[in-house]
Amino acid sequence: MRRKKLLSLTVPLVAGVMMFSALPTISMASETGTTDIAPEASGDVNKNPATPKSPNPPLNVKTDSIQITTKDCILDEKGKCSGHTITGGTKDDPATNTITIMDGTHKIILQNVYIDASGRSEEVSAVQINPNAAADIWL
């Protein structure tokens, strides 16, 4: 009889402790969006967010203009764009090419990019997003 009482109290207590101990972990993951953050980069001491990591090959805007389409994209497990890392140009030697998002929704990660498209003969923006496209741009 005494064992049944102890067992009937132990199960709810253990379940309650497990439930409440997991809550901080769950809320932290939902607030930080850890699913697209590189494991080796977790931000810095100034609480700046970490740069997401992309499995797509890096693109250099210094060497050529970039056009991103859905067919060029590697998707994550949710079927969304896993990200495109773009580099190229410096303040002393800026890229004169452009970045165009042609279609679909893409995550664009700009790392050390410096573009000056003002010297082009036609009037263009450094980054263009077509009407049937969307972009989540990380600086």
C-alpha atoms as a PDB file:
ATOM      1  CA  MET A   1       0.000   0.000   0.000  1.00  0.00           C
ATOM      2  CA  ARG A   2       2.800   2.383   0.909  1.00  0.00           C
ATOM      3  CA  ARG A   3       4.600   1.632  -2.403  1.00  0.00           C
ATOM      4  CA  LYS A   4       1.469   2.452  -4.411  1.00  0.00           C
ATOM      5  CA  LYS A   5       1.209   5.834  -2.644  1.00  0.00           C
ATOM      6  CA  LEU A   6       4.855   6.646  -3.281  1.00  0.00           C
ATOM      7  CA  LEU A   7       4.565   5.625  -6.923  1.00  0.00           C
ATOM      8  CA  SER A   8       1.399   7.671  -7.394  1.00  0.00           C
ATOM      9  CA  LEU A   9       3.238  10.756  -6.091  1.00  0.00           C
ATOM     10  CA  THR A  10       6.548  10.121  -7.872  1.00  0.00           C
ATOM     11  CA  VAL A  11       5.214   9.987 -11.437  1.00  0.00           C
ATOM     12  CA  PRO A  12       3.437  13.389 -11.363  1.00  0.00           C
ATOM     13  CA  LEU A  13       6.391  15.022  -9.596  1.00  0.00           C
ATOM     14  CA  VAL A  14       8.932  13.741 -12.135  1.00  0.00           C
ATOM     15  CA  ALA A  15       6.686  14.728 -15.057  1.00  0.00           C
ATOM     16  CA  GLY A  16       6.203  18.209 -13.595  1.00  0.00           C
ATOM     17  CA  VAL A  17       9.926  18.757 -13.065  1.00  0.00           C
ATOM     18  CA  MET A  18      10.715  17.611 -16.618  1.00  0.00           C
ATOM     19  CA  MET A  19       8.022  19.855 -18.092  1.00  0.00           C
ATOM     20  CA  PHE A  20       9.193  23.005 -16.290  1.00  0.00           C
ATOM     21  CA  SER A  21      12.890  22.401 -16.829  1.00  0.00           C
ATOM     22  CA  ALA A  22      12.421  22.264 -20.640  1.00  0.00           C
ATOM     23  CA  LEU A  23      10.559  25.602 -20.885  1.00  0.00           C
ATOM     24  CA  PRO A  24      13.625  27.916 -20.818  1.00  0.00           C
ATOM     25  CA  THR A  25      15.296  25.874 -23.569  1.00  0.00           C
ATOM     26  CA  ILE A  26      12.216  25.974 -25.791  1.00  0.00           C
ATOM     27  CA  SER A  27      11.663  29.730 -25.387  1.00  0.00           C
ATOM     28  CA  MET A  28      15.351  30.522 -25.991  1.00  0.00           C
ATOM     29  CA  ALA A  29      15.373  28.552 -29.255  1.00  0.00           C
ATOM     30  CA  SER A  30      12.227  30.284 -30.512  1.00  0.00           C
ATOM     31  CA  GLU A  31      13.553  33.752 -29.627  1.00  0.00           C
ATOM     32  CA  THR A  32      17.013  33.333 -31.112  1.00  0.00           C
ATOM     33  CA  GLY A  33      16.068  31.456 -34.278  1.00  0.00           C
ATOM     34  CA  THR A  34      18.941  29.059 -33.809  1.00  0.00           C
ATOM     35  CA  THR A  35      17.970  26.862 -36.746  1.00  0.00           C
ATOM     36  CA  ASP A  36      19.764  29.050 -39.297  1.00  0.00           C
ATOM     37  CA  ILE A  37      22.755  30.173 -37.254  1.00  0.00           C
ATOM     38  CA  ALA A  38      26.183  28.685 -37.798  1.00  0.00           C
ATOM     39  CA  PRO A  39      27.168  26.562 -34.758  1.00  0.00           C
ATOM     40  CA  GLU A  40      30.607  28.173 -34.534  1.00  0.00           C
ATOM     41  CA  ALA A  41      29.148  31.691 -34.585  1.00  0.00           C
ATOM     42  CA  SER A  42      26.828  32.632 -31.757  1.00  0.00           C
ATOM     43  CA  GLY A  43      27.133  36.403 -31.886  1.00  0.00           C
ATOM     44  CA  ASP A  44      29.509  38.551 -29.876  1.00  0.00           C
ATOM     45  CA  VAL A  45      29.707  40.087 -26.415  1.00  0.00           C
ATOM     46  CA  ASN A  46      27.840  43.179 -27.671  1.00  0.00           C
ATOM     47  CA  LYS A  47      24.824  40.951 -28.377  1.00  0.00           C
ATOM     48  CA  ASN A  48      25.095  41.346 -32.136  1.00  0.00           C
ATOM     49  CA  PRO A  49      23.388  38.430 -33.873  1.00  0.00           C
ATOM     50  CA  ALA A  50      25.493  35.780 -35.543  1.00  0.00           C
ATOM     51  CA  THR A  51      25.654  35.565 -39.323  1.00  0.00           C
ATOM     52  CA  PRO A  52      23.643  32.696 -40.773  1.00  0.00           C
ATOM     53  CA  LYS A  53      25.516  29.987 -42.623  1.00  0.00           C
ATOM     54  CA  SER A  54      24.539  29.067 -46.195  1.00  0.00           C
ATOM     55  CA  PRO A  55      25.065  25.743 -48.003  1.00  0.00           C
ATOM     56  CA  ASN A  56      24.759  27.535 -51.367  1.00  0.00           C
ATOM     57  CA  PRO A  57      28.153  28.335 -52.924  1.00  0.00           C
ATOM     58  CA  PRO A  58      29.342  31.905 -52.180  1.00  0.00           C
ATOM     59  CA  LEU A  59      28.905  34.464 -54.966  1.00  0.00           C
ATOM     60  CA  ASN A  60      31.315  37.332 -55.736  1.00  0.00           C
ATOM     61  CA  VAL A  61      29.698  40.514 -57.043  1.00  0.00           C
ATOM     62  CA  LYS A  62      33.131  41.909 -57.918  1.00  0.00           C
ATOM     63  CA  THR A  63      33.644  39.357 -60.689  1.00  0.00           C
ATOM     64  CA  ASP A  64      30.175  39.480 -62.290  1.00  0.00           C
ATOM     65  CA  SER A  65      26.599  40.686 -61.833  1.00  0.00           C
ATOM     66  CA  ILE A  66      24.509  38.215 -59.830  1.00  0.00           C
ATOM     67  CA  GLN A  67      21.015  37.001 -60.705  1.00  0.00           C
ATOM     68  CA  ILE A  68      19.354  34.746 -58.125  1.00  0.00           C
ATOM     69  CA  THR A  69      16.461  32.507 -59.170  1.00  0.00           C
ATOM     70  CA  THR A  70      14.565  29.688 -57.479  1.00  0.00           C
ATOM     71  CA  LYS A  71      16.255  27.106 -59.708  1.00  0.00           C
ATOM     72  CA  ASP A  72      19.685  28.157 -58.329  1.00  0.00           C
ATOM     73  CA  CYS A  73      18.580  27.750 -54.735  1.00  0.00           C
ATOM     74  CA  ILE A  74      19.338  24.946 -52.272  1.00  0.00           C
ATOM     75  CA  LEU A  75      16.309  24.543 -50.015  1.00  0.00           C
ATOM     76  CA  ASP A  76      16.338  23.764 -46.296  1.00  0.00           C
ATOM     77  CA  GLU A  77      14.250  21.049 -44.616  1.00  0.00           C
ATOM     78  CA  LYS A  78      11.218  23.397 -44.575  1.00  0.00           C
ATOM     79  CA  GLY A  79      11.419  24.003 -48.336  1.00  0.00           C
ATOM     80  CA  LYS A  80      12.703  27.567 -47.946  1.00  0.00           C
ATOM     81  CA  CYS A  81      15.835  29.165 -49.373  1.00  0.00           C
ATOM     82  CA  SER A  82      18.812  28.215 -47.229  1.00  0.00           C
ATOM     83  CA  GLY A  83      20.609  31.456 -48.108  1.00  0.00           C
ATOM     84  CA  HIS A  84      23.005  32.968 -50.636  1.00  0.00           C
ATOM     85  CA  THR A  85      26.263  34.468 -49.341  1.00  0.00           C
ATOM     86  CA  ILE A  86      27.505  37.365 -51.474  1.00  0.00           C
ATOM     87  CA  THR A  87      30.960  38.925 -51.129  1.00  0.00           C
ATOM     88  CA  GLY A  88      33.073  41.321 -53.183  1.00  0.00           C
ATOM     89  CA  GLY A  89      34.416  44.845 -53.429  1.00  0.00           C
ATOM     90  CA  THR A  90      36.122  47.148 -50.975  1.00  0.00           C
ATOM     91  CA  LYS A  91      35.838  50.845 -50.235  1.00  0.00           C
ATOM     92  CA  ASP A  92      38.977  51.527 -52.276  1.00  0.00           C
ATOM     93  CA  ASP A  93      37.993  49.119 -55.081  1.00  0.00           C
ATOM     94  CA  PRO A  94      34.189  48.781 -55.139  1.00  0.00           C
ATOM     95  CA  ALA A  95      32.269  46.313 -57.261  1.00  0.00           C
ATOM     96  CA  THR A  96      30.389  47.943 -60.135  1.00  0.00           C
ATOM     97  CA  ASN A  97      28.149  44.936 -60.815  1.00  0.00           C
ATOM     98  CA  THR A  98      24.649  44.463 -59.451  1.00  0.00           C
ATOM     99  CA  ILE A  99      22.633  41.880 -57.517  1.00  0.00           C
ATOM    100  CA  THR A 100      19.164  40.983 -58.863  1.00  0.00           C
ATOM    101  CA  ILE A 101      16.610  38.737 -57.170  1.00  0.00           C
ATOM    102  CA  MET A 102      14.680  37.392 -60.151  1.00  0.00           C
ATOM    103  CA  ASP A 103      11.909  35.295 -58.559  1.00  0.00           C
ATOM    104  CA  GLY A 104      10.939  33.480 -55.380  1.00  0.00           C
ATOM    105  CA  THR A 105      11.826  34.304 -51.791  1.00  0.00           C
ATOM    106  CA  HIS A 106      15.508  34.226 -50.865  1.00  0.00           C
ATOM    107  CA  LYS A 107      17.743  34.836 -47.867  1.00  0.00           C
ATOM    108  CA  ILE A 108      20.634  37.073 -48.956  1.00  0.00           C
ATOM    109  CA  ILE A 109      23.724  37.284 -46.726  1.00  0.00           C
ATOM    110  CA  LEU A 110      26.001  40.226 -47.588  1.00  0.00           C
ATOM    111  CA  GLN A 111      29.517  39.738 -46.190  1.00  0.00           C
ATOM    112  CA  ASN A 112      32.110  42.447 -46.821  1.00  0.00           C
ATOM    113  CA  VAL A 113      30.259  43.783 -49.877  1.00  0.00           C
ATOM    114  CA  TYR A 114      30.919  47.231 -51.301  1.00  0.00           C
ATOM    115  CA  ILE A 115      29.044  48.127 -54.503  1.00  0.00           C
ATOM    116  CA  ASP A 116      29.080  51.437 -56.360  1.00  0.00           C
ATOM    117  CA  ALA A 117      26.741  51.225 -59.349  1.00  0.00           C
ATOM    118  CA  SER A 118      26.647  55.007 -59.885  1.00  0.00           C
ATOM    119  CA  GLY A 119      29.245  54.890 -62.686  1.00  0.00           C
ATOM    120  CA  ARG A 120      27.142  52.628 -64.938  1.00  0.00           C
ATOM    121  CA  SER A 121      25.713  54.069 -68.147  1.00  0.00           C
ATOM    122  CA  GLU A 122      22.181  52.871 -67.373  1.00  0.00           C
ATOM    123  CA  GLU A 123      20.404  53.916 -64.191  1.00  0.00           C
ATOM    124  CA  VAL A 124      20.312  50.866 -61.896  1.00  0.00           C
ATOM    125  CA  SER A 125      20.330  50.056 -58.207  1.00  0.00           C
ATOM    126  CA  ALA A 126      23.090  48.006 -56.645  1.00  0.00           C
ATOM    127  CA  VAL A 127      20.459  45.525 -55.375  1.00  0.00           C
ATOM    128  CA  GLN A 128      17.283  44.984 -57.365  1.00  0.00           C
ATOM    129  CA  ILE A 129      14.299  42.847 -56.340  1.00  0.00           C
ATOM    130  CA  ASN A 130      11.832  42.022 -59.115  1.00  0.00           C
ATOM    131  CA  PRO A 131       8.078  42.352 -58.429  1.00  0.00           C
ATOM    132  CA  ASN A 132       7.583  38.560 -58.285  1.00  0.00           C
ATOM    133  CA  ALA A 133      10.474  38.140 -55.806  1.00  0.00           C
ATOM    134  CA  ALA A 134      11.205  38.815 -52.132  1.00  0.00           C
ATOM    135  CA  ALA A 135      14.405  38.891 -50.096  1.00  0.00           C
ATOM    136  CA  ASP A 136      15.412  38.665 -46.462  1.00  0.00           C
ATOM    137  CA  ILE A 137      18.714  40.572 -46.480  1.00  0.00           C
ATOM    138  CA  TRP A 138      21.315  40.023 -43.750  1.00  0.00           C
ATOM    139  CA  LEU A 139      24.032  42.672 -43.443  1.00  0.00           C
END
